[in-house]
Amino acid sequence: MFNRKRKRKREEKRLIESIGRAHREWSELARLMEHNFHASEEEYRQITVAKAKYFYLLREAREREINVL
């Protein structure tokens, strides 16, 4: 019983850390794109993937009823 709670807490912590990393990655790519005059198609793809990953992780946290903030 206690192991399940510990495991759940570890999973929640990892998910929250993943959300933070995904948000930083998305923000960094968005900032770079603002200053880039000749963005390639690959760069647009990278920012789209980073944004999708971030929102997927947020949705996962909401489904698990984890408070991220």
PDB file of N, CA and C in Angstrom:
ATOM      1  N   MET A   1       0.813  -1.183   0.000  1.00  0.00           N
ATOM      2  CA  MET A   1       0.000   0.000   0.000  1.00  0.00           C
ATOM      3  C   MET A   1       0.862   1.254   0.000  1.00  0.00           C
ATOM      4  N   PHE A   2       1.857   1.295   0.864  1.00  0.00           N
ATOM      5  CA  PHE A   2       2.715   2.467   0.933  1.00  0.00           C
ATOM      6  C   PHE A   2       3.588   2.578  -0.304  1.00  0.00           C
ATOM      7  N   ASN A   3       3.978   1.442  -0.849  1.00  0.00           N
ATOM      8  CA  ASN A   3       4.791   1.463  -2.066  1.00  0.00           C
ATOM      9  C   ASN A   3       4.013   2.062  -3.232  1.00  0.00           C
ATOM     10  N   ARG A   4       2.717   1.805  -3.302  1.00  0.00           N
ATOM     11  CA  ARG A   4       1.891   2.367  -4.368  1.00  0.00           C
ATOM     12  C   ARG A   4       1.840   3.888  -4.265  1.00  0.00           C
ATOM     13  N   LYS A   5       1.710   4.366  -3.031  1.00  0.00           N
ATOM     14  CA  LYS A   5       1.660   5.819  -2.840  1.00  0.00           C
ATOM     15  C   LYS A   5       2.985   6.456  -3.221  1.00  0.00           C
ATOM     16  N   ARG A   6       4.077   5.828  -2.835  1.00  0.00           N
ATOM     17  CA  ARG A   6       5.395   6.353  -3.184  1.00  0.00           C
ATOM     18  C   ARG A   6       5.602   6.339  -4.694  1.00  0.00           C
ATOM     19  N   LYS A   7       5.190   5.236  -5.307  1.00  0.00           N
ATOM     20  CA  LYS A   7       5.340   5.120  -6.754  1.00  0.00           C
ATOM     21  C   LYS A   7       4.496   6.187  -7.451  1.00  0.00           C
ATOM     22  N   ARG A   8       3.290   6.399  -6.980  1.00  0.00           N
ATOM     23  CA  ARG A   8       2.409   7.415  -7.574  1.00  0.00           C
ATOM     24  C   ARG A   8       3.029   8.810  -7.417  1.00  0.00           C
ATOM     25  N   LYS A   9       3.587   9.098  -6.254  1.00  0.00           N
ATOM     26  CA  LYS A   9       4.212  10.400  -6.020  1.00  0.00           C
ATOM     27  C   LYS A   9       5.410  10.591  -6.955  1.00  0.00           C
ATOM     28  N   ARG A  10       6.207   9.534  -7.130  1.00  0.00           N
ATOM     29  CA  ARG A  10       7.356   9.625  -8.044  1.00  0.00           C
ATOM     30  C   ARG A  10       6.893   9.879  -9.471  1.00  0.00           C
ATOM     31  N   GLU A  11       5.842   9.188  -9.895  1.00  0.00           N
ATOM     32  CA  GLU A  11       5.313   9.375 -11.239  1.00  0.00           C
ATOM     33  C   GLU A  11       4.772  10.785 -11.421  1.00  0.00           C
ATOM     34  N   GLU A  12       4.074  11.289 -10.391  1.00  0.00           N
ATOM     35  CA  GLU A  12       3.559  12.652 -10.462  1.00  0.00           C
ATOM     36  C   GLU A  12       4.698  13.657 -10.575  1.00  0.00           C
ATOM     37  N   LYS A  13       5.738  13.443  -9.793  1.00  0.00           N
ATOM     38  CA  LYS A  13       6.888  14.347  -9.825  1.00  0.00           C
ATOM     39  C   LYS A  13       7.555  14.325 -11.194  1.00  0.00           C
ATOM     40  N   ARG A  14       7.727  13.124 -11.765  1.00  0.00           N
ATOM     41  CA  ARG A  14       8.333  13.016 -13.097  1.00  0.00           C
ATOM     42  C   ARG A  14       7.484  13.708 -14.148  1.00  0.00           C
ATOM     43  N   LEU A  15       6.159  13.555 -14.046  1.00  0.00           N
ATOM     44  CA  LEU A  15       5.262  14.187 -15.003  1.00  0.00           C
ATOM     45  C   LEU A  15       5.362  15.706 -14.899  1.00  0.00           C
ATOM     46  N   ILE A  16       5.383  16.228 -13.692  1.00  0.00           N
ATOM     47  CA  ILE A  16       5.495  17.675 -13.502  1.00  0.00           C
ATOM     48  C   ILE A  16       6.829  18.187 -14.041  1.00  0.00           C
ATOM     49  N   GLU A  17       7.904  17.450 -13.804  1.00  0.00           N
ATOM     50  CA  GLU A  17       9.211  17.844 -14.341  1.00  0.00           C
ATOM     51  C   GLU A  17       9.213  17.797 -15.866  1.00  0.00           C
ATOM     52  N   SER A  18       8.561  16.800 -16.439  1.00  0.00           N
ATOM     53  CA  SER A  18       8.468  16.698 -17.901  1.00  0.00           C
ATOM     54  C   SER A  18       7.684  17.871 -18.482  1.00  0.00           C
ATOM     55  N   ILE A  19       6.641  18.268 -17.789  1.00  0.00           N
ATOM     56  CA  ILE A  19       5.849  19.411 -18.242  1.00  0.00           C
ATOM     57  C   ILE A  19       6.713  20.673 -18.232  1.00  0.00           C
ATOM     58  N   GLY A  20       7.487  20.846 -17.189  1.00  0.00           N
ATOM     59  CA  GLY A  20       8.373  22.005 -17.113  1.00  0.00           C
ATOM     60  C   GLY A  20       9.401  22.027 -18.233  1.00  0.00           C
ATOM     61  N   ARG A  21      10.004  20.873 -18.500  1.00  0.00           N
ATOM     62  CA  ARG A  21      10.992  20.786 -19.575  1.00  0.00           C
ATOM     63  C   ARG A  21      10.346  21.072 -20.934  1.00  0.00           C
ATOM     64  N   ALA A  22       9.155  20.510 -21.151  1.00  0.00           N
ATOM     65  CA  ALA A  22       8.472  20.707 -22.426  1.00  0.00           C
ATOM     66  C   ALA A  22       8.109  22.186 -22.610  1.00  0.00           C
ATOM     67  N   HIS A  23       7.687  22.835 -21.543  1.00  0.00           N
ATOM     68  CA  HIS A  23       7.340  24.248 -21.633  1.00  0.00           C
ATOM     69  C   HIS A  23       8.577  25.094 -21.936  1.00  0.00           C
ATOM     70  N   ARG A  24       9.684  24.802 -21.274  1.00  0.00           N
ATOM     71  CA  ARG A  24      10.919  25.548 -21.545  1.00  0.00           C
ATOM     72  C   ARG A  24      11.379  25.352 -22.982  1.00  0.00           C
ATOM     73  N   GLU A  25      11.284  24.113 -23.470  1.00  0.00           N
ATOM     74  CA  GLU A  25      11.688  23.824 -24.848  1.00  0.00           C
ATOM     75  C   GLU A  25      10.820  24.594 -25.838  1.00  0.00           C
ATOM     76  N   TRP A  26       9.514  24.558 -25.638  1.00  0.00           N
ATOM     77  CA  TRP A  26       8.581  25.254 -26.522  1.00  0.00           C
ATOM     78  C   TRP A  26       8.838  26.759 -26.477  1.00  0.00           C
ATOM     79  N   SER A  27       9.019  27.311 -25.277  1.00  0.00           N
ATOM     80  CA  SER A  27       9.271  28.746 -25.135  1.00  0.00           C
ATOM     81  C   SER A  27      10.572  29.158 -25.814  1.00  0.00           C
ATOM     82  N   GLU A  28      11.597  28.357 -25.646  1.00  0.00           N
ATOM     83  CA  GLU A  28      12.889  28.657 -26.248  1.00  0.00           C
ATOM     84  C   GLU A  28      12.795  28.634 -27.775  1.00  0.00           C
ATOM     85  N   LEU A  29      12.133  27.631 -28.319  1.00  0.00           N
ATOM     86  CA  LEU A  29      11.980  27.560 -29.773  1.00  0.00           C
ATOM     87  C   LEU A  29      11.154  28.732 -30.295  1.00  0.00           C
ATOM     88  N   ALA A  30      10.107  29.103 -29.564  1.00  0.00           N
ATOM     89  CA  ALA A  30       9.272  30.233 -29.979  1.00  0.00           C
ATOM     90  C   ALA A  30      10.079  31.530 -29.955  1.00  0.00           C
ATOM     91  N   ARG A  31      10.907  31.694 -28.933  1.00  0.00           N
ATOM     92  CA  ARG A  31      11.736  32.892 -28.835  1.00  0.00           C
ATOM     93  C   ARG A  31      12.733  32.956 -29.993  1.00  0.00           C
ATOM     94  N   LEU A  32      13.337  31.820 -30.304  1.00  0.00           N
ATOM     95  CA  LEU A  32      14.286  31.785 -31.420  1.00  0.00           C
ATOM     96  C   LEU A  32      13.609  32.071 -32.755  1.00  0.00           C
ATOM     97  N   MET A  33      12.388  31.578 -32.911  1.00  0.00           N
ATOM     98  CA  MET A  33      11.656  31.799 -34.158  1.00  0.00           C
ATOM     99  C   MET A  33      11.306  33.278 -34.335  1.00  0.00           C
ATOM    100  N   GLU A  34      11.084  33.993 -33.244  1.00  0.00           N
ATOM    101  CA  GLU A  34      10.770  35.418 -33.342  1.00  0.00           C
ATOM    102  C   GLU A  34      11.945  36.202 -33.919  1.00  0.00           C
ATOM    103  N   HIS A  35      13.153  35.771 -33.627  1.00  0.00           N
ATOM    104  CA  HIS A  35      14.340  36.487 -34.059  1.00  0.00           C
ATOM    105  C   HIS A  35      14.940  35.942 -35.352  1.00  0.00           C
ATOM    106  N   ASN A  36      14.338  34.904 -35.882  1.00  0.00           N
ATOM    107  CA  ASN A  36      14.858  34.261 -37.079  1.00  0.00           C
ATOM    108  C   ASN A  36      14.080  34.766 -38.298  1.00  0.00           C
ATOM    109  N   PHE A  37      14.779  35.375 -39.245  1.00  0.00           N
ATOM    110  CA  PHE A  37      14.116  35.920 -40.430  1.00  0.00           C
ATOM    111  C   PHE A  37      13.838  34.854 -41.479  1.00  0.00           C
ATOM    112  N   HIS A  38      14.697  33.859 -41.543  1.00  0.00           N
ATOM    113  CA  HIS A  38      14.569  32.836 -42.582  1.00  0.00           C
ATOM    114  C   HIS A  38      14.406  31.469 -41.927  1.00  0.00           C
ATOM    115  N   ALA A  39      13.262  31.269 -41.320  1.00  0.00           N
ATOM    116  CA  ALA A  39      13.001  29.996 -40.643  1.00  0.00           C
ATOM    117  C   ALA A  39      12.718  28.912 -41.678  1.00  0.00           C
ATOM    118  N   SER A  40      13.286  27.755 -41.432  1.00  0.00           N
ATOM    119  CA  SER A  40      13.084  26.641 -42.359  1.00  0.00           C
ATOM    120  C   SER A  40      11.828  25.867 -41.965  1.00  0.00           C
ATOM    121  N   GLU A  41      11.445  24.996 -42.852  1.00  0.00           N
ATOM    122  CA  GLU A  41      10.274  24.160 -42.598  1.00  0.00           C
ATOM    123  C   GLU A  41      10.524  23.226 -41.406  1.00  0.00           C
ATOM    124  N   GLU A  42      11.761  22.780 -41.264  1.00  0.00           N
ATOM    125  CA  GLU A  42      12.119  21.902 -40.144  1.00  0.00           C
ATOM    126  C   GLU A  42      11.961  22.627 -38.807  1.00  0.00           C
ATOM    127  N   GLU A  43      12.311  23.877 -38.769  1.00  0.00           N
ATOM    128  CA  GLU A  43      12.156  24.650 -37.531  1.00  0.00           C
ATOM    129  C   GLU A  43      10.684  24.812 -37.167  1.00  0.00           C
ATOM    130  N   TYR A  44       9.834  25.024 -38.156  1.00  0.00           N
ATOM    131  CA  TYR A  44       8.399  25.096 -37.895  1.00  0.00           C
ATOM    132  C   TYR A  44       7.873  23.774 -37.357  1.00  0.00           C
ATOM    133  N   ARG A  45       8.383  22.679 -37.912  1.00  0.00           N
ATOM    134  CA  ARG A  45       7.987  21.358 -37.433  1.00  0.00           C
ATOM    135  C   ARG A  45       8.410  21.144 -35.984  1.00  0.00           C
ATOM    136  N   GLN A  46       9.623  21.564 -35.646  1.00  0.00           N
ATOM    137  CA  GLN A  46      10.124  21.390 -34.283  1.00  0.00           C
ATOM    138  C   GLN A  46       9.272  22.137 -33.269  1.00  0.00           C
ATOM    139  N   ILE A  47       8.889  23.365 -33.600  1.00  0.00           N
ATOM    140  CA  ILE A  47       8.077  24.133 -32.655  1.00  0.00           C
ATOM    141  C   ILE A  47       6.675  23.538 -32.536  1.00  0.00           C
ATOM    142  N   THR A  48       6.145  23.014 -33.623  1.00  0.00           N
ATOM    143  CA  THR A  48       4.828  22.385 -33.583  1.00  0.00           C
ATOM    144  C   THR A  48       4.857  21.122 -32.724  1.00  0.00           C
ATOM    145  N   VAL A  49       5.907  20.337 -32.852  1.00  0.00           N
ATOM    146  CA  VAL A  49       6.044  19.120 -32.046  1.00  0.00           C
ATOM    147  C   VAL A  49       6.219  19.470 -30.571  1.00  0.00           C
ATOM    148  N   ALA A  50       7.021  20.485 -30.286  1.00  0.00           N
ATOM    149  CA  ALA A  50       7.243  20.894 -28.898  1.00  0.00           C
ATOM    150  C   ALA A  50       5.944  21.380 -28.260  1.00  0.00           C
ATOM    151  N   LYS A  51       5.164  22.132 -28.999  1.00  0.00           N
ATOM    152  CA  LYS A  51       3.884  22.631 -28.490  1.00  0.00           C
ATOM    153  C   LYS A  51       2.916  21.480 -28.244  1.00  0.00           C
ATOM    154  N   ALA A  52       2.842  20.552 -29.184  1.00  0.00           N
ATOM    155  CA  ALA A  52       1.949  19.403 -29.040  1.00  0.00           C
ATOM    156  C   ALA A  52       2.348  18.543 -27.839  1.00  0.00           C
ATOM    157  N   LYS A  53       3.640  18.354 -27.650  1.00  0.00           N
ATOM    158  CA  LYS A  53       4.130  17.565 -26.516  1.00  0.00           C
ATOM    159  C   LYS A  53       3.745  18.224 -25.197  1.00  0.00           C
ATOM    160  N   TYR A  54       3.920  19.543 -25.118  1.00  0.00           N
ATOM    161  CA  TYR A  54       3.582  20.279 -23.904  1.00  0.00           C
ATOM    162  C   TYR A  54       2.092  20.136 -23.574  1.00  0.00           C
ATOM    163  N   PHE A  55       1.237  20.349 -24.563  1.00  0.00           N
ATOM    164  CA  PHE A  55      -0.198  20.252 -24.305  1.00  0.00           C
ATOM    165  C   PHE A  55      -0.649  18.819 -24.025  1.00  0.00           C
ATOM    166  N   TYR A  56       0.019  17.845 -24.614  1.00  0.00           N
ATOM    167  CA  TYR A  56      -0.292  16.450 -24.299  1.00  0.00           C
ATOM    168  C   TYR A  56       0.006  16.159 -22.830  1.00  0.00           C
ATOM    169  N   LEU A  57       1.160  16.617 -22.357  1.00  0.00           N
ATOM    170  CA  LEU A  57       1.530  16.371 -20.959  1.00  0.00           C
ATOM    171  C   LEU A  57       0.582  17.093 -20.000  1.00  0.00           C
ATOM    172  N   LEU A  58       0.146  18.295 -20.368  1.00  0.00           N
ATOM    173  CA  LEU A  58      -0.833  18.999 -19.538  1.00  0.00           C
ATOM    174  C   LEU A  58      -2.153  18.237 -19.465  1.00  0.00           C
ATOM    175  N   ARG A  59      -2.584  17.706 -20.598  1.00  0.00           N
ATOM    176  CA  ARG A  59      -3.822  16.932 -20.625  1.00  0.00           C
ATOM    177  C   ARG A  59      -3.689  15.669 -19.771  1.00  0.00           C
ATOM    178  N   GLU A  60      -2.537  15.040 -19.838  1.00  0.00           N
ATOM    179  CA  GLU A  60      -2.282  13.842 -19.038  1.00  0.00           C
ATOM    180  C   GLU A  60      -2.349  14.171 -17.545  1.00  0.00           C
ATOM    181  N   ALA A  61      -1.774  15.301 -17.165  1.00  0.00           N
ATOM    182  CA  ALA A  61      -1.822  15.716 -15.754  1.00  0.00           C
ATOM    183  C   ALA A  61      -3.255  16.002 -15.328  1.00  0.00           C
ATOM    184  N   ARG A  62      -4.032  16.615 -16.190  1.00  0.00           N
ATOM    185  CA  ARG A  62      -5.429  16.913 -15.857  1.00  0.00           C
ATOM    186  C   ARG A  62      -6.223  15.621 -15.675  1.00  0.00           C
ATOM    187  N   GLU A  63      -5.991  14.651 -16.543  1.00  0.00           N
ATOM    188  CA  GLU A  63      -6.701  13.372 -16.431  1.00  0.00           C
ATOM    189  C   GLU A  63      -6.334  12.633 -15.149  1.00  0.00           C
ATOM    190  N   ARG A  64      -5.085  12.781 -14.714  1.00  0.00           N
ATOM    191  CA  ARG A  64      -4.648  12.132 -13.488  1.00  0.00           C
ATOM    192  C   ARG A  64      -4.942  12.979 -12.241  1.00  0.00           C
ATOM    193  N   GLU A  65      -5.547  14.148 -12.486  1.00  0.00           N
ATOM    194  CA  GLU A  65      -5.914  15.083 -11.409  1.00  0.00           C
ATOM    195  C   GLU A  65      -4.692  15.512 -10.601  1.00  0.00           C
ATOM    196  N   ILE A  66      -3.647  15.919 -11.345  1.00  0.00           N
ATOM    197  CA  ILE A  66      -2.416  16.403 -10.741  1.00  0.00           C
ATOM    198  C   ILE A  66      -2.368  17.911 -10.913  1.00  0.00           C
ATOM    199  N   ASN A  67      -2.139  18.617  -9.817  1.00  0.00           N
ATOM    200  CA  ASN A  67      -2.047  20.072  -9.879  1.00  0.00           C
ATOM    201  C   ASN A  67      -0.624  20.448 -10.271  1.00  0.00           C
ATOM    202  N   VAL A  68      -0.470  21.040 -11.443  1.00  0.00           N
ATOM    203  CA  VAL A  68       0.850  21.358 -11.972  1.00  0.00           C
ATOM    204  C   VAL A  68       1.370  22.671 -11.401  1.00  0.00           C
ATOM    205  N   LEU A  69       0.485  23.605 -11.182  1.00  0.00           N
ATOM    206  CA  LEU A  69       0.913  24.934 -10.717  1.00  0.00           C
ATOM    207  C   LEU A  69       1.129  24.973  -9.238  1.00  0.00           C
TER     208      LEU A  69
END
